[in-house]
């Protein structure tokens, strides 16, 4: 298969047992991104937490300095003046009960969901639909807010939400293969810094155990954690 050949070629220049400095890792990832589309650069962190315990949950949001390179479609639950404010801010979909009905009917053509506080009675009924997709508005993430202009702007600018999975892994897109290497490195550092700041009170021992980066179709590269905080 073509993907197998591409991965094999990519790993030809990568030592799977080596932990690379950030700049070298970014150069290797960019060089291995040979797909016909602009591949997403993804980061994965293995954390020393058990998210089954509330005091070990890692969750938050970070605005990457150079965005993600991804076009983000934003849905906003709002009424009257706030709905108009959301539209002017660039929201792709704006509604109230009508939007809730569309979502219950299977409509999911958006990447971020924002709601004004007065709409949470309506949005709350969508928990089983939005929750599993990590789209449920949350005041801690700034997606339940009366300031819809700022929330929409942040989402469009490349704000990234993160949440640790059952196995203690956090992953996210931190840019595109076409990004300048220095900008990719800055985005990666910003994401890791946000994970460090989100360290839960219940985390014991080594918090960040392993970090790796890869492009959508390329091989994974292990990062030297010390190079991320230098």
N, C-alpha and C. Protein backbone atom coordinates (compact mmCIF):
# COMPACT_ATOMS: atom_id res chain seq x y z
N UNK A 1 0.84 -1.20 0.00
CA UNK A 1 0.00 0.00 0.00
C UNK A 1 0.87 1.25 0.00
N UNK A 2 0.35 2.33 -0.59
CA UNK A 2 1.12 3.57 -0.69
C UNK A 2 1.44 4.13 0.68
N UNK A 3 0.50 4.06 1.62
CA UNK A 3 0.73 4.60 2.96
C UNK A 3 1.86 3.86 3.64
N UNK A 4 1.88 2.52 3.47
CA UNK A 4 2.95 1.74 4.06
C UNK A 4 4.30 2.13 3.51
N UNK A 5 4.38 2.34 2.21
CA UNK A 5 5.64 2.75 1.60
C UNK A 5 6.05 4.13 2.09
N UNK A 6 5.08 5.02 2.25
CA UNK A 6 5.38 6.37 2.70
C UNK A 6 5.91 6.35 4.13
N UNK A 7 5.27 5.57 4.99
CA UNK A 7 5.74 5.47 6.36
C UNK A 7 7.12 4.85 6.44
N UNK A 8 7.33 3.82 5.65
CA UNK A 8 8.63 3.16 5.63
C UNK A 8 9.72 4.15 5.22
N UNK A 9 9.43 4.95 4.20
CA UNK A 9 10.40 5.94 3.74
C UNK A 9 10.62 7.00 4.81
N UNK A 10 9.54 7.39 5.49
CA UNK A 10 9.65 8.40 6.53
C UNK A 10 10.51 7.95 7.68
N UNK A 11 10.34 6.70 8.09
CA UNK A 11 11.11 6.16 9.22
C UNK A 11 12.57 5.91 8.87
N UNK A 12 12.90 5.96 7.58
CA UNK A 12 14.28 5.72 7.18
C UNK A 12 15.23 6.75 7.80
N UNK A 13 14.72 7.96 8.06
CA UNK A 13 15.57 9.02 8.62
C UNK A 13 15.33 9.25 10.11
N UNK A 14 14.53 8.35 10.73
CA UNK A 14 14.17 8.56 12.13
C UNK A 14 14.57 7.35 12.97
N UNK A 15 15.23 7.61 14.06
CA UNK A 15 15.58 6.57 15.03
C UNK A 15 14.42 6.46 16.02
N UNK A 16 13.69 5.35 15.99
CA UNK A 16 12.50 5.21 16.82
C UNK A 16 12.82 5.18 18.31
N UNK A 17 14.04 4.91 18.65
CA UNK A 17 14.43 4.83 20.07
C UNK A 17 15.04 6.13 20.58
N UNK A 18 15.19 7.11 19.71
CA UNK A 18 15.84 8.37 20.08
C UNK A 18 14.80 9.42 20.48
N UNK A 19 15.15 10.25 21.43
CA UNK A 19 14.32 11.39 21.83
C UNK A 19 14.97 12.64 21.25
N UNK A 20 14.28 13.26 20.31
CA UNK A 20 14.85 14.37 19.56
C UNK A 20 14.56 15.73 20.21
N UNK A 21 15.48 16.65 20.03
CA UNK A 21 15.24 18.03 20.44
C UNK A 21 14.12 18.61 19.57
N UNK A 22 13.44 19.62 20.07
CA UNK A 22 12.26 20.16 19.39
C UNK A 22 12.56 20.60 17.96
N UNK A 23 13.60 21.37 17.75
CA UNK A 23 13.88 21.89 16.41
C UNK A 23 14.18 20.77 15.42
N UNK A 24 14.96 19.78 15.86
CA UNK A 24 15.29 18.65 14.97
C UNK A 24 14.03 17.84 14.67
N UNK A 25 13.20 17.64 15.68
CA UNK A 25 11.96 16.87 15.49
C UNK A 25 11.04 17.55 14.48
N UNK A 26 10.90 18.86 14.60
CA UNK A 26 10.04 19.60 13.66
C UNK A 26 10.57 19.49 12.24
N UNK A 27 11.88 19.58 12.08
CA UNK A 27 12.49 19.45 10.74
C UNK A 27 12.21 18.07 10.16
N UNK A 28 12.33 17.03 10.98
CA UNK A 28 12.07 15.66 10.51
C UNK A 28 10.61 15.47 10.12
N UNK A 29 9.71 16.02 10.92
CA UNK A 29 8.28 15.87 10.64
C UNK A 29 7.92 16.57 9.34
N UNK A 30 8.41 17.79 9.17
CA UNK A 30 8.10 18.53 7.95
C UNK A 30 8.66 17.81 6.72
N UNK A 31 9.85 17.26 6.85
CA UNK A 31 10.48 16.56 5.73
C UNK A 31 9.72 15.28 5.36
N UNK A 32 9.08 14.65 6.37
CA UNK A 32 8.37 13.38 6.14
C UNK A 32 6.94 13.59 5.65
N UNK A 33 6.46 14.84 5.68
CA UNK A 33 5.07 15.12 5.26
C UNK A 33 5.02 15.22 3.73
N UNK A 34 4.77 14.09 3.09
CA UNK A 34 4.84 14.01 1.63
C UNK A 34 3.47 13.85 0.97
N UNK A 35 2.39 13.93 1.73
CA UNK A 35 1.05 13.73 1.16
C UNK A 35 0.72 14.88 0.21
N UNK A 36 -0.31 14.67 -0.62
CA UNK A 36 -0.70 15.67 -1.61
C UNK A 36 -1.54 16.79 -1.00
N UNK A 37 -1.84 16.68 0.30
CA UNK A 37 -2.57 17.74 0.98
C UNK A 37 -1.70 18.29 2.11
N UNK A 38 -2.11 19.40 2.66
CA UNK A 38 -1.34 20.04 3.74
C UNK A 38 -1.63 19.29 5.04
N UNK A 39 -0.72 18.41 5.42
CA UNK A 39 -0.95 17.54 6.59
C UNK A 39 -0.99 18.33 7.90
N UNK A 40 -1.83 17.87 8.81
CA UNK A 40 -1.89 18.44 10.14
C UNK A 40 -0.74 17.89 10.98
N UNK A 41 -0.13 18.74 11.76
CA UNK A 41 0.91 18.29 12.70
C UNK A 41 0.22 18.04 14.03
N UNK A 42 0.33 16.83 14.52
CA UNK A 42 -0.38 16.41 15.72
C UNK A 42 0.61 16.09 16.84
N UNK A 43 0.21 16.43 18.06
CA UNK A 43 1.02 16.14 19.24
C UNK A 43 0.25 15.21 20.16
N UNK A 44 0.97 14.29 20.79
CA UNK A 44 0.37 13.37 21.76
C UNK A 44 1.24 13.33 23.00
N UNK A 45 0.61 13.46 24.16
CA UNK A 45 1.33 13.43 25.43
C UNK A 45 0.78 12.31 26.30
N UNK A 46 1.68 11.49 26.82
CA UNK A 46 1.30 10.47 27.80
C UNK A 46 1.52 11.06 29.19
N UNK A 47 0.42 11.18 29.94
CA UNK A 47 0.49 11.82 31.25
C UNK A 47 0.37 10.81 32.38
N UNK A 48 0.99 11.13 33.49
CA UNK A 48 0.93 10.27 34.67
C UNK A 48 -0.29 10.58 35.51
N UNK A 49 -1.47 10.44 34.90
CA UNK A 49 -2.73 10.70 35.61
C UNK A 49 -3.72 9.58 35.30
N UNK A 50 -4.71 9.44 36.17
CA UNK A 50 -5.81 8.51 35.95
C UNK A 50 -7.09 9.35 35.95
N UNK A 51 -7.59 9.71 34.75
CA UNK A 51 -8.74 10.61 34.66
C UNK A 51 -10.04 10.06 35.23
N UNK A 52 -10.03 8.80 35.67
CA UNK A 52 -11.22 8.28 36.35
C UNK A 52 -11.42 8.95 37.70
N UNK A 53 -10.34 9.56 38.22
CA UNK A 53 -10.42 10.30 39.48
C UNK A 53 -10.56 11.78 39.16
N UNK A 54 -11.53 12.43 39.77
CA UNK A 54 -11.82 13.84 39.48
C UNK A 54 -10.62 14.74 39.71
N UNK A 55 -9.80 14.42 40.71
CA UNK A 55 -8.65 15.29 41.01
C UNK A 55 -7.45 15.01 40.12
N UNK A 56 -7.64 14.14 39.10
CA UNK A 56 -6.57 13.88 38.14
C UNK A 56 -7.01 14.18 36.70
N UNK A 57 -8.14 14.86 36.56
CA UNK A 57 -8.61 15.24 35.23
C UNK A 57 -7.79 16.40 34.69
N UNK A 58 -7.37 16.30 33.44
CA UNK A 58 -6.64 17.37 32.78
C UNK A 58 -7.51 17.89 31.64
N UNK A 59 -7.88 19.14 31.74
CA UNK A 59 -8.76 19.72 30.73
C UNK A 59 -8.53 21.21 30.67
N UNK A 60 -8.57 21.76 29.48
CA UNK A 60 -8.37 23.20 29.38
C UNK A 60 -8.42 23.68 27.94
N UNK A 61 -7.93 24.89 27.75
CA UNK A 61 -7.95 25.51 26.43
C UNK A 61 -6.69 26.35 26.29
N UNK A 62 -6.17 26.42 25.08
CA UNK A 62 -4.98 27.24 24.82
C UNK A 62 -5.13 27.88 23.45
N UNK A 63 -4.74 29.13 23.36
CA UNK A 63 -4.75 29.83 22.08
C UNK A 63 -3.32 29.79 21.54
N UNK A 64 -3.12 28.99 20.50
CA UNK A 64 -1.79 28.84 19.93
C UNK A 64 -1.35 30.15 19.27
N UNK A 65 -0.08 30.53 19.43
CA UNK A 65 0.39 31.82 18.91
C UNK A 65 0.24 31.97 17.40
N UNK A 66 0.26 30.86 16.67
CA UNK A 66 0.17 30.93 15.21
C UNK A 66 -1.04 30.18 14.66
N UNK A 67 -2.01 29.90 15.52
CA UNK A 67 -3.22 29.22 15.07
C UNK A 67 -2.95 27.77 14.69
N UNK A 68 -3.99 27.10 14.22
CA UNK A 68 -3.85 25.70 13.84
C UNK A 68 -3.79 25.49 12.33
N UNK A 69 -4.12 26.54 11.57
CA UNK A 69 -4.16 26.39 10.12
C UNK A 69 -5.45 25.75 9.64
N UNK A 70 -6.33 25.44 10.59
CA UNK A 70 -7.59 24.79 10.25
C UNK A 70 -8.72 25.81 10.25
N UNK A 71 -9.62 25.69 9.27
CA UNK A 71 -10.81 26.52 9.24
C UNK A 71 -11.82 25.95 10.23
N UNK A 72 -12.16 26.73 11.24
CA UNK A 72 -13.04 26.27 12.31
C UNK A 72 -14.45 26.81 12.10
N UNK A 73 -15.41 25.89 12.03
CA UNK A 73 -16.82 26.29 11.92
C UNK A 73 -17.41 26.38 13.33
N UNK A 74 -17.97 27.54 13.63
CA UNK A 74 -18.46 27.82 14.97
C UNK A 74 -19.98 27.95 15.00
N UNK A 75 -20.59 27.21 15.92
CA UNK A 75 -22.04 27.32 16.15
C UNK A 75 -22.26 28.04 17.46
N UNK A 76 -23.21 28.96 17.47
CA UNK A 76 -23.50 29.74 18.68
C UNK A 76 -24.99 29.66 19.03
N UNK A 77 -25.24 29.31 20.29
CA UNK A 77 -26.60 29.36 20.82
C UNK A 77 -26.81 30.73 21.46
N UNK A 78 -27.66 31.53 20.85
CA UNK A 78 -27.92 32.87 21.38
C UNK A 78 -29.22 33.40 20.80
N UNK A 79 -29.76 34.41 21.46
CA UNK A 79 -31.00 35.03 21.01
C UNK A 79 -30.82 36.54 20.87
N UNK A 80 -31.71 37.15 20.09
CA UNK A 80 -31.83 38.61 19.98
C UNK A 80 -30.49 39.28 19.70
N UNK A 81 -30.12 40.27 20.55
CA UNK A 81 -28.91 41.05 20.31
C UNK A 81 -27.65 40.19 20.32
N UNK A 82 -27.62 39.19 21.20
CA UNK A 82 -26.45 38.31 21.28
C UNK A 82 -26.31 37.46 20.02
N UNK A 83 -27.43 37.08 19.43
CA UNK A 83 -27.39 36.31 18.18
C UNK A 83 -26.80 37.18 17.06
N UNK A 84 -27.22 38.44 17.02
CA UNK A 84 -26.70 39.36 16.01
C UNK A 84 -25.21 39.62 16.24
N UNK A 85 -24.82 39.74 17.51
CA UNK A 85 -23.41 39.93 17.86
C UNK A 85 -22.57 38.75 17.37
N UNK A 86 -23.11 37.53 17.55
CA UNK A 86 -22.39 36.32 17.11
C UNK A 86 -22.21 36.32 15.60
N UNK A 87 -23.24 36.71 14.88
CA UNK A 87 -23.15 36.75 13.41
C UNK A 87 -22.10 37.76 12.96
N UNK A 88 -22.10 38.93 13.58
CA UNK A 88 -21.12 39.96 13.22
C UNK A 88 -19.69 39.52 13.55
N UNK A 89 -19.55 38.69 14.57
CA UNK A 89 -18.23 38.21 14.97
C UNK A 89 -17.69 37.12 14.04
N UNK A 90 -18.58 36.58 13.19
CA UNK A 90 -18.14 35.58 12.23
C UNK A 90 -18.60 34.17 12.49
N UNK A 91 -19.57 34.00 13.41
CA UNK A 91 -20.10 32.66 13.67
C UNK A 91 -20.73 32.09 12.41
N UNK A 92 -20.55 30.81 12.19
CA UNK A 92 -21.07 30.16 10.98
C UNK A 92 -22.53 29.76 11.12
N UNK A 93 -22.94 29.40 12.33
CA UNK A 93 -24.31 28.97 12.58
C UNK A 93 -24.77 29.62 13.88
N UNK A 94 -25.92 30.25 13.86
CA UNK A 94 -26.46 30.90 15.06
C UNK A 94 -27.93 30.50 15.20
N UNK A 95 -28.32 30.14 16.41
CA UNK A 95 -29.70 29.76 16.62
C UNK A 95 -30.00 29.54 18.09
N UNK A 96 -31.20 29.08 18.36
CA UNK A 96 -31.63 28.81 19.73
C UNK A 96 -32.33 27.45 19.74
N UNK A 97 -33.63 27.41 20.03
CA UNK A 97 -34.37 26.14 20.01
C UNK A 97 -34.32 25.50 18.63
N UNK A 98 -34.32 26.33 17.59
CA UNK A 98 -34.27 25.80 16.22
C UNK A 98 -32.97 25.07 15.95
N UNK A 99 -31.86 25.61 16.48
CA UNK A 99 -30.56 24.96 16.29
C UNK A 99 -30.51 23.66 17.09
N UNK A 100 -31.09 23.67 18.28
CA UNK A 100 -31.13 22.44 19.09
C UNK A 100 -31.88 21.33 18.37
N UNK A 101 -32.97 21.69 17.71
CA UNK A 101 -33.75 20.69 16.97
C UNK A 101 -32.95 20.13 15.81
N UNK A 102 -32.19 21.00 15.13
CA UNK A 102 -31.36 20.53 14.01
C UNK A 102 -30.30 19.55 14.50
N UNK A 103 -29.68 19.87 15.63
CA UNK A 103 -28.64 18.99 16.17
C UNK A 103 -29.23 17.65 16.61
N UNK A 104 -30.40 17.69 17.24
CA UNK A 104 -31.07 16.44 17.63
C UNK A 104 -31.44 15.61 16.42
N UNK A 105 -31.61 16.29 15.28
CA UNK A 105 -31.93 15.59 14.03
C UNK A 105 -30.72 15.08 13.28
N UNK A 106 -29.51 15.34 13.85
CA UNK A 106 -28.30 14.81 13.23
C UNK A 106 -27.35 15.84 12.65
N UNK A 107 -27.72 17.11 12.68
CA UNK A 107 -26.86 18.16 12.14
C UNK A 107 -25.65 18.37 13.05
N UNK A 108 -24.45 18.20 12.48
CA UNK A 108 -23.22 18.36 13.29
C UNK A 108 -22.13 19.05 12.48
N UNK A 109 -22.51 19.95 11.59
CA UNK A 109 -21.54 20.58 10.70
C UNK A 109 -20.87 21.79 11.36
N UNK A 110 -20.20 21.54 12.49
CA UNK A 110 -19.45 22.59 13.17
C UNK A 110 -18.38 21.95 14.04
N UNK A 111 -17.37 22.75 14.38
CA UNK A 111 -16.22 22.25 15.13
C UNK A 111 -16.16 22.78 16.57
N UNK A 112 -16.90 23.86 16.85
CA UNK A 112 -16.91 24.47 18.18
C UNK A 112 -18.32 24.96 18.47
N UNK A 113 -18.75 24.79 19.69
CA UNK A 113 -20.09 25.20 20.08
C UNK A 113 -19.99 26.17 21.26
N UNK A 114 -20.61 27.33 21.11
CA UNK A 114 -20.59 28.39 22.11
C UNK A 114 -22.03 28.71 22.50
N UNK A 115 -22.25 29.08 23.74
CA UNK A 115 -23.60 29.42 24.19
C UNK A 115 -23.57 30.57 25.18
N UNK A 116 -24.57 31.44 25.12
CA UNK A 116 -24.73 32.45 26.16
C UNK A 116 -25.34 31.74 27.37
N UNK A 117 -25.11 32.25 28.59
CA UNK A 117 -25.59 31.56 29.80
C UNK A 117 -27.09 31.29 29.80
N UNK A 118 -27.88 32.20 29.24
CA UNK A 118 -29.33 32.03 29.26
C UNK A 118 -29.82 30.91 28.35
N UNK A 119 -28.93 30.39 27.50
CA UNK A 119 -29.32 29.32 26.57
C UNK A 119 -28.98 27.93 27.09
N UNK A 120 -28.35 27.83 28.26
CA UNK A 120 -27.90 26.53 28.74
C UNK A 120 -29.05 25.59 29.10
N UNK A 121 -30.23 26.14 29.36
CA UNK A 121 -31.38 25.27 29.59
C UNK A 121 -31.72 24.47 28.34
N UNK A 122 -31.54 25.10 27.18
CA UNK A 122 -31.77 24.43 25.90
C UNK A 122 -30.60 23.52 25.55
N UNK A 123 -29.39 24.06 25.69
CA UNK A 123 -28.18 23.31 25.33
C UNK A 123 -28.01 22.08 26.23
N UNK A 124 -28.40 22.19 27.49
CA UNK A 124 -28.24 21.08 28.42
C UNK A 124 -28.91 19.80 27.95
N UNK A 125 -29.97 19.93 27.18
CA UNK A 125 -30.68 18.75 26.68
C UNK A 125 -29.91 18.03 25.58
N UNK A 126 -28.85 18.65 25.11
CA UNK A 126 -28.05 18.07 24.03
C UNK A 126 -26.79 17.38 24.54
N UNK A 127 -26.70 17.21 25.86
CA UNK A 127 -25.49 16.64 26.46
C UNK A 127 -25.08 15.31 25.88
N UNK A 128 -26.04 14.44 25.62
CA UNK A 128 -25.72 13.10 25.10
C UNK A 128 -25.22 13.14 23.66
N UNK A 129 -25.54 14.22 22.97
CA UNK A 129 -25.09 14.37 21.57
C UNK A 129 -23.76 15.12 21.51
N UNK A 130 -23.68 16.24 22.22
CA UNK A 130 -22.48 17.08 22.15
C UNK A 130 -21.35 16.59 23.05
N UNK A 131 -21.70 16.01 24.20
CA UNK A 131 -20.69 15.57 25.16
C UNK A 131 -19.67 14.60 24.60
N UNK A 132 -20.11 13.48 23.99
CA UNK A 132 -19.16 12.50 23.46
C UNK A 132 -18.25 13.06 22.36
N UNK A 133 -18.68 14.13 21.71
CA UNK A 133 -17.88 14.76 20.65
C UNK A 133 -17.03 15.90 21.19
N UNK A 134 -17.04 16.08 22.51
CA UNK A 134 -16.27 17.15 23.15
C UNK A 134 -16.69 18.52 22.64
N UNK A 135 -17.99 18.69 22.37
CA UNK A 135 -18.52 19.94 21.85
C UNK A 135 -19.43 20.67 22.83
N UNK A 136 -19.67 20.08 24.00
CA UNK A 136 -20.58 20.68 24.95
C UNK A 136 -20.00 21.98 25.50
N UNK A 137 -20.73 23.10 25.38
CA UNK A 137 -20.23 24.36 25.94
C UNK A 137 -19.96 24.24 27.43
N UNK A 138 -18.88 24.89 27.86
CA UNK A 138 -18.44 24.77 29.25
C UNK A 138 -17.88 26.12 29.70
N UNK A 139 -18.38 26.66 30.82
CA UNK A 139 -17.86 27.96 31.28
C UNK A 139 -16.37 27.96 31.58
N UNK A 140 -15.82 26.81 32.03
CA UNK A 140 -14.40 26.73 32.34
C UNK A 140 -13.54 26.85 31.09
N UNK A 141 -14.13 26.53 29.93
CA UNK A 141 -13.39 26.62 28.67
C UNK A 141 -13.72 27.90 27.90
N UNK A 142 -14.54 28.74 28.51
CA UNK A 142 -14.89 30.01 27.87
C UNK A 142 -15.91 29.89 26.77
N UNK A 143 -16.60 28.74 26.70
CA UNK A 143 -17.59 28.55 25.64
C UNK A 143 -19.02 28.73 26.15
N UNK A 144 -19.18 29.00 27.43
CA UNK A 144 -20.45 29.51 27.97
C UNK A 144 -20.13 30.90 28.48
N UNK A 145 -20.57 31.91 27.75
CA UNK A 145 -20.15 33.27 28.06
C UNK A 145 -21.09 34.30 27.44
N UNK A 146 -21.27 35.44 28.09
CA UNK A 146 -22.05 36.51 27.47
C UNK A 146 -21.23 37.25 26.41
N UNK A 147 -19.90 37.08 26.44
CA UNK A 147 -19.01 37.76 25.49
C UNK A 147 -18.81 36.87 24.26
N UNK A 148 -19.84 36.80 23.43
CA UNK A 148 -19.77 35.89 22.28
C UNK A 148 -18.77 36.38 21.23
N UNK A 149 -18.56 37.67 21.15
CA UNK A 149 -17.59 38.20 20.18
C UNK A 149 -16.20 37.65 20.45
N UNK A 150 -15.76 37.73 21.70
CA UNK A 150 -14.43 37.23 22.06
C UNK A 150 -14.35 35.72 21.90
N UNK A 151 -15.42 35.00 22.27
CA UNK A 151 -15.41 33.54 22.17
C UNK A 151 -15.32 33.09 20.72
N UNK A 152 -16.06 33.74 19.84
CA UNK A 152 -16.01 33.38 18.41
C UNK A 152 -14.64 33.73 17.84
N UNK A 153 -14.13 34.91 18.20
CA UNK A 153 -12.81 35.32 17.70
C UNK A 153 -11.73 34.32 18.11
N UNK A 154 -11.75 33.90 19.38
CA UNK A 154 -10.74 32.97 19.88
C UNK A 154 -10.83 31.63 19.15
N UNK A 155 -12.05 31.15 18.94
CA UNK A 155 -12.24 29.87 18.24
C UNK A 155 -11.72 29.95 16.81
N UNK A 156 -12.00 31.04 16.15
CA UNK A 156 -11.56 31.21 14.76
C UNK A 156 -10.05 31.42 14.66
N UNK A 157 -9.46 31.99 15.73
CA UNK A 157 -8.03 32.32 15.70
C UNK A 157 -7.12 31.12 15.94
N UNK A 158 -7.69 29.99 16.33
CA UNK A 158 -6.85 28.82 16.54
C UNK A 158 -6.79 28.35 17.98
N UNK A 159 -7.80 28.68 18.76
CA UNK A 159 -7.88 28.20 20.13
C UNK A 159 -8.09 26.68 20.12
N UNK A 160 -7.35 25.98 20.96
CA UNK A 160 -7.42 24.52 21.00
C UNK A 160 -7.92 24.07 22.37
N UNK A 161 -8.95 23.24 22.38
CA UNK A 161 -9.41 22.64 23.62
C UNK A 161 -8.73 21.28 23.78
N UNK A 162 -8.41 20.90 25.01
CA UNK A 162 -7.81 19.59 25.23
C UNK A 162 -8.44 18.93 26.44
N UNK A 163 -8.44 17.61 26.40
CA UNK A 163 -8.99 16.81 27.49
C UNK A 163 -8.31 15.45 27.50
N UNK A 164 -7.83 15.03 28.66
CA UNK A 164 -7.13 13.75 28.75
C UNK A 164 -8.12 12.61 28.54
N UNK A 165 -7.67 11.58 27.82
CA UNK A 165 -8.50 10.41 27.56
C UNK A 165 -8.28 9.37 28.66
N UNK A 166 -9.05 8.29 28.60
CA UNK A 166 -9.01 7.27 29.64
C UNK A 166 -7.61 6.72 29.89
N UNK A 167 -6.84 6.56 28.84
CA UNK A 167 -5.51 5.98 28.98
C UNK A 167 -4.46 7.00 29.44
N UNK A 168 -4.89 8.22 29.76
CA UNK A 168 -3.94 9.23 30.20
C UNK A 168 -3.24 9.95 29.06
N UNK A 169 -3.86 9.95 27.88
CA UNK A 169 -3.26 10.57 26.70
C UNK A 169 -4.03 11.83 26.31
N UNK A 170 -3.29 12.86 25.98
CA UNK A 170 -3.86 14.10 25.43
C UNK A 170 -3.29 14.28 24.03
N UNK A 171 -4.14 14.56 23.07
CA UNK A 171 -3.62 14.82 21.72
C UNK A 171 -4.37 15.98 21.08
N UNK A 172 -3.72 16.65 20.15
CA UNK A 172 -4.31 17.81 19.49
C UNK A 172 -3.52 18.15 18.23
N UNK A 173 -4.17 18.88 17.34
CA UNK A 173 -3.48 19.42 16.17
C UNK A 173 -2.84 20.75 16.54
N UNK A 174 -1.57 20.93 16.18
CA UNK A 174 -0.86 22.15 16.56
C UNK A 174 -0.33 22.93 15.36
N UNK A 175 -0.86 22.65 14.19
CA UNK A 175 -0.42 23.38 13.01
C UNK A 175 -0.49 22.53 11.76
N UNK A 176 0.09 23.05 10.69
CA UNK A 176 0.11 22.37 9.40
C UNK A 176 1.55 22.19 8.93
N UNK A 177 1.75 21.20 8.08
CA UNK A 177 3.10 20.92 7.57
C UNK A 177 3.67 22.12 6.81
N UNK A 178 2.79 22.95 6.27
CA UNK A 178 3.25 24.12 5.50
C UNK A 178 3.73 25.25 6.40
N UNK A 179 3.49 25.16 7.71
CA UNK A 179 3.92 26.21 8.64
C UNK A 179 5.44 26.32 8.65
N UNK A 180 5.91 27.52 8.88
CA UNK A 180 7.34 27.74 9.12
C UNK A 180 7.76 26.93 10.34
N UNK A 181 8.95 26.33 10.30
CA UNK A 181 9.42 25.47 11.39
C UNK A 181 9.41 26.19 12.74
N UNK A 182 9.82 27.45 12.76
CA UNK A 182 9.87 28.20 14.02
C UNK A 182 8.47 28.39 14.60
N UNK A 183 7.48 28.62 13.72
CA UNK A 183 6.10 28.80 14.19
C UNK A 183 5.53 27.50 14.73
N UNK A 184 5.86 26.39 14.08
CA UNK A 184 5.42 25.09 14.58
C UNK A 184 6.01 24.82 15.96
N UNK A 185 7.29 25.12 16.10
CA UNK A 185 7.96 24.89 17.38
C UNK A 185 7.33 25.74 18.48
N UNK A 186 6.99 26.98 18.16
CA UNK A 186 6.35 27.86 19.15
C UNK A 186 4.97 27.35 19.53
N UNK A 187 4.22 26.84 18.56
CA UNK A 187 2.90 26.27 18.85
C UNK A 187 3.01 25.05 19.76
N UNK A 188 3.99 24.19 19.46
CA UNK A 188 4.19 22.98 20.27
C UNK A 188 4.55 23.36 21.70
N UNK A 189 5.46 24.32 21.86
CA UNK A 189 5.85 24.77 23.21
C UNK A 189 4.65 25.35 23.95
N UNK A 190 3.83 26.12 23.26
CA UNK A 190 2.67 26.74 23.89
C UNK A 190 1.68 25.68 24.36
N UNK A 191 1.51 24.62 23.56
CA UNK A 191 0.58 23.57 23.95
C UNK A 191 1.09 22.81 25.17
N UNK A 192 2.36 22.45 25.15
CA UNK A 192 2.94 21.72 26.28
C UNK A 192 2.91 22.58 27.54
N UNK A 193 3.15 23.88 27.38
CA UNK A 193 3.09 24.79 28.53
C UNK A 193 1.68 24.81 29.13
N UNK A 194 0.67 24.78 28.26
CA UNK A 194 -0.72 24.77 28.74
C UNK A 194 -1.03 23.48 29.50
N UNK A 195 -0.47 22.37 29.02
CA UNK A 195 -0.67 21.09 29.71
C UNK A 195 -0.01 21.14 31.09
N UNK A 196 1.18 21.72 31.15
CA UNK A 196 1.87 21.85 32.44
C UNK A 196 1.06 22.70 33.42
N UNK A 197 0.51 23.80 32.92
CA UNK A 197 -0.28 24.69 33.78
C UNK A 197 -1.57 24.03 34.24
N UNK A 198 -2.04 23.06 33.48
CA UNK A 198 -3.29 22.37 33.82
C UNK A 198 -3.06 21.15 34.71
N UNK A 199 -1.83 20.99 35.22
CA UNK A 199 -1.52 19.84 36.07
C UNK A 199 -2.49 19.78 37.25
N UNK A 200 -3.19 18.66 37.41
CA UNK A 200 -4.19 18.55 38.49
C UNK A 200 -3.55 18.28 39.85
N UNK A 201 -4.28 18.62 40.88
CA UNK A 201 -3.76 18.46 42.24
C UNK A 201 -3.47 17.00 42.59
N UNK A 202 -4.19 16.08 41.96
CA UNK A 202 -4.02 14.67 42.29
C UNK A 202 -2.92 13.96 41.53
N UNK A 203 -2.21 14.66 40.64
CA UNK A 203 -1.14 14.04 39.86
C UNK A 203 0.06 13.75 40.75
N UNK A 204 0.53 12.51 40.73
CA UNK A 204 1.68 12.10 41.53
C UNK A 204 2.79 11.58 40.61
N UNK A 205 4.01 11.72 41.07
CA UNK A 205 5.14 11.20 40.28
C UNK A 205 5.35 12.04 39.03
N UNK A 206 5.87 11.38 37.98
CA UNK A 206 6.15 12.08 36.72
C UNK A 206 4.84 12.45 36.04
N UNK A 207 4.67 13.73 35.75
CA UNK A 207 3.41 14.21 35.15
C UNK A 207 3.41 13.99 33.64
N UNK A 208 4.38 14.56 32.92
CA UNK A 208 4.49 14.34 31.48
C UNK A 208 5.50 13.22 31.25
N UNK A 209 5.03 12.08 30.86
CA UNK A 209 5.89 10.90 30.69
C UNK A 209 6.53 10.83 29.30
N UNK A 210 5.75 11.16 28.29
CA UNK A 210 6.27 11.04 26.93
C UNK A 210 5.53 12.01 26.02
N UNK A 211 6.25 12.58 25.06
CA UNK A 211 5.65 13.48 24.08
C UNK A 211 6.12 13.05 22.69
N UNK A 212 5.19 12.96 21.77
CA UNK A 212 5.56 12.63 20.40
C UNK A 212 4.76 13.50 19.44
N UNK A 213 5.33 13.72 18.27
CA UNK A 213 4.67 14.52 17.24
C UNK A 213 4.72 13.77 15.92
N UNK A 214 3.75 14.04 15.06
CA UNK A 214 3.69 13.39 13.76
C UNK A 214 2.81 14.21 12.84
N UNK A 215 3.00 14.03 11.55
CA UNK A 215 2.06 14.62 10.60
C UNK A 215 0.96 13.58 10.34
N UNK A 216 -0.12 13.99 9.71
CA UNK A 216 -1.28 13.12 9.49
C UNK A 216 -0.90 11.76 8.91
N UNK A 217 -0.06 11.76 7.91
CA UNK A 217 0.30 10.52 7.22
C UNK A 217 1.74 10.09 7.47
N UNK A 218 2.42 10.82 8.35
CA UNK A 218 3.84 10.55 8.55
C UNK A 218 4.15 9.78 9.81
N UNK A 219 5.42 9.46 10.02
CA UNK A 219 5.85 8.71 11.20
C UNK A 219 5.88 9.57 12.45
N UNK A 220 5.82 8.93 13.60
CA UNK A 220 5.90 9.63 14.86
C UNK A 220 7.34 9.87 15.28
N UNK A 221 7.57 11.00 15.94
CA UNK A 221 8.91 11.35 16.42
C UNK A 221 8.81 11.65 17.91
N UNK A 222 9.64 10.97 18.72
CA UNK A 222 9.63 11.21 20.17
C UNK A 222 10.42 12.47 20.48
N UNK A 223 9.88 13.27 21.40
CA UNK A 223 10.52 14.52 21.77
C UNK A 223 11.26 14.41 23.10
N UNK A 224 12.40 15.07 23.16
CA UNK A 224 13.13 15.24 24.41
C UNK A 224 12.36 16.29 25.21
N UNK A 225 11.76 15.90 26.30
CA UNK A 225 10.89 16.80 27.06
C UNK A 225 11.63 18.05 27.54
N UNK A 226 12.92 17.90 27.86
CA UNK A 226 13.70 19.04 28.33
C UNK A 226 13.78 20.13 27.27
N UNK A 227 13.76 19.75 25.99
CA UNK A 227 13.86 20.75 24.91
C UNK A 227 12.58 21.56 24.78
N UNK A 228 11.50 21.10 25.40
CA UNK A 228 10.21 21.80 25.30
C UNK A 228 10.10 22.91 26.33
N UNK A 229 10.93 22.85 27.34
CA UNK A 229 10.88 23.87 28.40
C UNK A 229 12.11 24.76 28.41
N UNK A 230 13.01 24.49 27.47
CA UNK A 230 14.25 25.28 27.41
C UNK A 230 13.94 26.70 26.98
